[in-house]
Amino acid sequence: MIKPDILSILQNKIKRISMDDSTNILVGPITLPVNLDGETVTFKWYSWLKVTDEELQQAEGKEATELLISRLSSMNLADGQQSSVLVYGDFENSDEALIRMHSICHTGDIFGSKRCDCGFQLHTSMKMIAQHGSGALFYLANHEGRGIGLFSKAMAYILQEEGYDTVEANLELGFADDSRDYTDAISVLQHLRSKPVTLITNNPKKMEALRAAGMNTVKRVPLWGDVSVFNEKYLRTKVTRSGHLEAVQSADFFEGRVAK
């Protein structure tokens, strides 16, 4: 039996976003002070859980919250990962807002790997959103290695060390070049904001995904930087093989002469 005070605390922080064949359970907002280059910046943090269980989808009100809590310890959520979003400022109502759909990168985001530019993109986009005054960073947990998972990414890295580029490595392991899906994240975005957004990305596929879902994505802000001898081939491949938009119309970026 869940204590009444526990139910009352959590119920107001749980929202349900219905989709065609599933429901996203959104938890938040939660105050999250973040260290950005020595300055404390306060974000509002949410996490969401996709559920397909019919009973969990159909339950409502306090019964829905109680059922979720009663199932929580048996869901083994630590065996997988859940996505989340950092929100800054008056994201719902501001006239202009920046968003970043950031794919999880265990090696780049956590360890600071120089084989990619993901860690740089994560922290730079957070700073851009804070400086802009309104925005949201979606951290997408099932996007590791462009959707192949961490273990498969490790094997792809082995192939890359033998000369395969990042696209070839994914293909040789039986995956598509990019199998990421943005449906769940877009449903949360639409719940949090209906006004136009500006997307921080070099990837036109992200723009296409948002527009196809009916989201009013009016602008794009590029995010190139942190180029080095360790990731030059990776960054070139993004442009030549994966369709990412170029940083500049010269070789300066890949020679490390573009201002970071």
Protein backbone atom coordinates (compact mmCIF):
# COMPACT_ATOMS: atom_id res chain seq x y z
CA MET A 1 0.00 0.00 0.00
CA ILE A 2 1.47 3.34 -1.10
CA LYS A 3 1.35 6.01 1.59
CA PRO A 4 -1.09 8.87 0.77
CA ASP A 5 1.57 11.55 1.24
CA ILE A 6 3.88 9.78 -1.25
CA LEU A 7 1.06 9.67 -3.78
CA SER A 8 0.22 13.35 -3.34
CA ILE A 9 3.87 14.39 -3.72
CA LEU A 10 4.44 12.41 -6.91
CA GLN A 11 1.07 12.69 -8.61
CA ASN A 12 1.44 16.39 -9.40
CA LYS A 13 4.81 15.74 -11.01
CA ILE A 14 3.66 12.95 -13.33
CA LYS A 15 2.08 13.62 -16.72
CA ARG A 16 0.94 11.10 -19.30
CA ILE A 17 1.47 11.67 -23.02
CA SER A 18 -0.63 9.31 -25.13
CA MET A 19 0.73 8.04 -28.44
CA ASP A 20 -0.65 5.65 -31.06
CA ASP A 21 0.45 2.40 -29.40
CA SER A 22 2.17 3.52 -26.20
CA THR A 23 2.26 6.17 -23.49
CA ASN A 24 5.15 8.34 -22.37
CA ILE A 25 5.08 8.94 -18.62
CA LEU A 26 6.81 12.26 -17.98
CA VAL A 27 8.20 13.02 -14.51
CA GLY A 28 9.15 16.57 -13.53
CA PRO A 29 10.03 19.36 -13.39
CA ILE A 30 12.89 18.87 -10.92
CA THR A 31 15.29 21.68 -10.01
CA LEU A 32 18.77 20.82 -11.31
CA PRO A 33 21.64 23.26 -10.68
CA VAL A 34 24.38 22.58 -13.25
CA ASN A 35 28.04 23.61 -13.33
CA LEU A 36 28.74 25.31 -16.67
CA ASP A 37 32.37 26.47 -16.81
CA GLY A 38 32.42 27.32 -13.11
CA GLU A 39 29.06 29.08 -13.10
CA THR A 40 25.97 27.48 -11.54
CA VAL A 41 23.04 27.53 -13.98
CA THR A 42 19.68 26.19 -12.83
CA PHE A 43 17.67 24.04 -15.23
CA LYS A 44 14.37 22.22 -14.84
CA TRP A 45 14.85 18.49 -15.43
CA TYR A 46 12.35 15.89 -16.67
CA SER A 47 12.65 12.21 -17.46
CA TRP A 48 10.20 10.03 -19.34
CA LEU A 49 9.39 6.35 -19.57
CA LYS A 50 7.74 4.72 -22.57
CA VAL A 51 5.19 2.10 -21.51
CA THR A 52 3.22 -0.32 -23.67
CA ASP A 53 1.54 -2.20 -20.82
CA GLU A 54 -2.19 -1.81 -21.40
CA GLU A 55 -3.07 -1.56 -17.71
CA LEU A 56 -0.51 1.20 -17.14
CA GLN A 57 -1.73 3.06 -20.22
CA GLN A 58 -5.41 2.97 -19.28
CA ALA A 59 -5.12 3.78 -15.57
CA GLU A 60 -5.93 7.36 -14.56
CA GLY A 61 -5.46 9.74 -11.64
CA LYS A 62 -4.22 8.45 -8.29
CA GLU A 63 -4.77 4.86 -9.40
CA ALA A 64 -2.36 5.38 -12.29
CA THR A 65 0.31 6.84 -9.99
CA GLU A 66 -0.15 4.07 -7.44
CA LEU A 67 0.06 1.39 -10.12
CA LEU A 68 3.24 2.91 -11.54
CA ILE A 69 4.93 3.06 -8.14
CA SER A 70 3.91 -0.51 -7.32
CA ARG A 71 5.48 -1.73 -10.58
CA LEU A 72 8.59 0.43 -10.44
CA SER A 73 10.92 -1.88 -8.49
CA SER A 74 10.12 -4.83 -10.75
CA MET A 75 10.68 -2.99 -14.04
CA ASN A 76 14.48 -3.40 -13.88
CA LEU A 77 14.91 0.09 -15.31
CA ALA A 78 18.61 0.10 -14.39
CA ASP A 79 19.15 -2.61 -17.02
CA GLY A 80 18.18 -0.14 -19.71
CA GLN A 81 18.30 3.62 -19.94
CA GLN A 82 15.67 6.31 -19.97
CA SER A 83 15.82 9.63 -21.79
CA SER A 84 15.42 13.04 -20.22
CA VAL A 85 15.28 16.75 -21.00
CA LEU A 86 16.86 19.83 -19.44
CA VAL A 87 14.62 22.90 -19.73
CA TYR A 88 15.80 26.47 -19.24
CA GLY A 89 13.78 29.65 -18.81
CA ASP A 90 10.13 30.08 -19.73
CA PHE A 91 10.28 27.37 -22.37
CA GLU A 92 6.54 27.08 -22.79
CA ASN A 93 5.76 30.73 -23.41
CA SER A 94 8.88 32.45 -24.71
CA ASP A 95 8.68 33.71 -28.29
CA GLU A 96 11.95 32.06 -29.30
CA ALA A 97 13.54 28.94 -27.87
CA LEU A 98 16.58 26.83 -28.74
CA ILE A 99 16.40 23.05 -28.61
CA ARG A 100 19.02 20.35 -28.96
CA MET A 101 18.19 16.70 -29.67
CA HIS A 102 21.37 15.17 -28.24
CA SER A 103 22.11 11.50 -28.76
CA ILE A 104 23.77 9.85 -25.77
CA CYS A 105 27.49 9.25 -26.23
CA HIS A 106 28.99 7.27 -23.34
CA THR A 107 32.57 7.80 -24.51
CA GLY A 108 32.28 11.45 -25.49
CA ASP A 109 29.82 12.81 -22.93
CA ILE A 110 31.17 10.97 -19.89
CA PHE A 111 34.83 10.18 -20.61
CA GLY A 112 35.53 13.20 -22.83
CA SER A 113 36.66 11.10 -25.78
CA LYS A 114 38.23 13.03 -28.66
CA ARG A 115 37.17 10.42 -31.23
CA CYS A 116 33.96 12.42 -31.74
CA ASP A 117 32.61 15.90 -31.04
CA CYS A 118 29.69 14.79 -28.86
CA GLY A 119 30.97 16.02 -25.49
CA PHE A 120 31.75 19.40 -27.01
CA GLN A 121 28.28 19.57 -28.59
CA LEU A 122 26.56 18.60 -25.33
CA HIS A 123 28.20 21.24 -23.16
CA THR A 124 28.24 23.94 -25.83
CA SER A 125 24.54 23.55 -26.55
CA MET A 126 23.74 23.77 -22.82
CA LYS A 127 25.66 27.05 -22.66
CA MET A 128 23.95 28.32 -25.83
CA ILE A 129 20.51 27.59 -24.36
CA ALA A 130 21.34 29.32 -21.07
CA GLN A 131 22.76 32.36 -22.86
CA HIS A 132 19.72 32.53 -25.15
CA GLY A 133 17.41 32.58 -22.12
CA SER A 134 15.00 29.83 -23.14
CA GLY A 135 15.41 26.33 -24.48
CA ALA A 136 15.63 22.61 -23.89
CA LEU A 137 18.23 19.90 -24.31
CA PHE A 138 16.80 16.43 -24.95
CA TYR A 139 19.23 13.68 -23.90
CA LEU A 140 18.22 10.59 -25.87
CA ALA A 141 19.30 7.38 -24.18
CA ASN A 142 18.59 4.90 -26.96
CA HIS A 143 20.66 6.74 -29.57
CA GLU A 144 24.14 5.46 -28.69
CA GLY A 145 26.23 5.00 -31.82
CA ARG A 146 23.42 6.46 -33.96
CA GLY A 147 21.08 3.83 -32.57
CA ILE A 148 23.21 0.66 -32.42
CA GLY A 149 23.91 0.58 -28.67
CA LEU A 150 27.10 0.83 -26.62
CA PHE A 151 28.36 -2.75 -27.06
CA SER A 152 27.87 -2.61 -30.82
CA LYS A 153 29.55 0.80 -30.88
CA ALA A 154 32.61 -0.75 -29.22
CA MET A 155 32.82 -3.28 -32.05
CA ALA A 156 32.32 -0.51 -34.60
CA TYR A 157 35.25 1.35 -33.02
CA ILE A 158 37.44 -1.73 -33.52
CA LEU A 159 36.59 -1.69 -37.22
CA GLN A 160 37.31 2.04 -37.35
CA GLU A 161 40.76 1.42 -35.90
CA GLU A 162 41.38 -0.83 -38.91
CA GLY A 163 40.47 1.90 -41.39
CA TYR A 164 36.69 1.71 -41.79
CA ASP A 165 34.84 4.99 -41.43
CA THR A 166 31.96 5.37 -38.98
CA VAL A 167 29.30 4.71 -41.63
CA GLU A 168 31.08 1.66 -43.08
CA ALA A 169 31.56 0.18 -39.59
CA ASN A 170 27.83 0.38 -38.79
CA LEU A 171 26.90 -1.12 -42.15
CA GLU A 172 29.39 -3.99 -41.83
CA LEU A 173 27.85 -4.92 -38.47
CA GLY A 174 24.41 -5.19 -40.06
CA PHE A 175 23.01 -1.82 -38.99
CA ALA A 176 21.78 1.16 -40.95
CA ASP A 177 24.04 4.20 -41.05
CA ASP A 178 21.57 5.99 -38.74
CA SER A 179 18.67 4.17 -37.07
CA ARG A 180 17.72 6.83 -34.52
CA ASP A 181 14.06 7.59 -33.91
CA TYR A 182 12.80 10.89 -32.48
CA THR A 183 9.11 10.04 -32.02
CA ASP A 184 9.13 9.85 -28.21
CA ALA A 185 11.25 12.98 -27.79
CA ILE A 186 9.02 14.93 -30.15
CA SER A 187 5.91 13.90 -28.19
CA VAL A 188 7.51 15.30 -25.02
CA LEU A 189 8.60 18.45 -26.85
CA GLN A 190 5.05 19.03 -28.09
CA HIS A 191 3.75 18.55 -24.54
CA LEU A 192 6.16 21.17 -23.20
CA ARG A 193 5.89 23.75 -26.01
CA SER A 194 3.69 24.48 -29.03
CA LYS A 195 5.42 27.64 -30.26
CA PRO A 196 8.19 27.61 -32.90
CA VAL A 197 11.65 26.32 -31.98
CA THR A 198 15.16 26.76 -33.34
CA LEU A 199 17.10 23.50 -33.56
CA ILE A 200 20.80 23.32 -32.66
CA THR A 201 22.12 20.77 -35.14
CA ASN A 202 24.25 20.06 -38.19
CA ASN A 203 21.98 17.18 -39.17
CA PRO A 204 19.10 17.99 -41.55
CA LYS A 205 17.46 14.63 -40.70
CA LYS A 206 16.62 16.02 -37.27
CA MET A 207 14.92 19.01 -38.86
CA GLU A 208 12.97 16.69 -41.16
CA ALA A 209 11.84 14.50 -38.24
CA LEU A 210 10.45 17.46 -36.30
CA ARG A 211 8.71 18.95 -39.30
CA ALA A 212 7.21 15.59 -40.30
CA ALA A 213 5.69 15.37 -36.80
CA GLY A 214 4.07 18.78 -37.24
CA MET A 215 6.47 20.66 -34.97
CA ASN A 216 7.04 24.26 -35.97
CA THR A 217 10.80 24.21 -36.51
CA VAL A 218 11.67 27.47 -38.18
CA LYS A 219 15.43 27.86 -37.83
CA ARG A 220 18.65 25.90 -37.43
CA VAL A 221 21.81 26.86 -35.57
CA PRO A 222 25.00 24.95 -36.54
CA LEU A 223 27.25 23.41 -33.90
CA TRP A 224 30.73 22.61 -35.19
CA GLY A 225 33.94 22.71 -33.15
CA ASP A 226 36.58 20.81 -31.18
CA VAL A 227 38.16 19.44 -34.34
CA SER A 228 41.39 17.49 -33.85
CA VAL A 229 43.54 14.82 -35.48
CA PHE A 230 41.53 12.26 -33.50
CA ASN A 231 38.12 13.09 -34.98
CA GLU A 232 38.85 14.75 -38.35
CA LYS A 233 37.93 11.63 -40.37
CA TYR A 234 34.77 11.16 -38.28
CA LEU A 235 33.67 14.77 -38.87
CA ARG A 236 34.43 14.58 -42.60
CA THR A 237 32.38 11.38 -42.83
CA LYS A 238 29.41 13.12 -41.21
CA VAL A 239 29.40 15.57 -44.09
CA THR A 240 30.37 13.32 -47.02
CA ARG A 241 28.46 10.15 -46.05
CA SER A 242 25.73 11.09 -43.55
CA GLY A 243 24.50 14.32 -45.11
CA HIS A 244 25.44 16.72 -42.33
CA LEU A 245 25.61 20.35 -43.40
CA GLU A 246 29.11 21.74 -43.76
CA ALA A 247 30.58 24.11 -41.21
CA VAL A 248 32.19 26.48 -43.72
CA GLN A 249 32.89 26.56 -47.41
CA SER A 250 36.59 25.85 -47.03
CA ALA A 251 39.05 23.40 -45.55
CA ASP A 252 39.81 25.71 -42.62
CA PHE A 253 37.44 23.93 -40.25
CA PHE A 254 39.06 20.56 -40.74
CA GLU A 255 42.50 22.10 -40.39
CA GLY A 256 41.51 23.37 -36.95
CA ARG A 257 41.63 27.06 -37.80
CA VAL A 258 37.98 27.87 -37.20
CA ALA A 259 37.41 29.68 -33.91
CA LYS A 260 35.83 27.37 -31.33
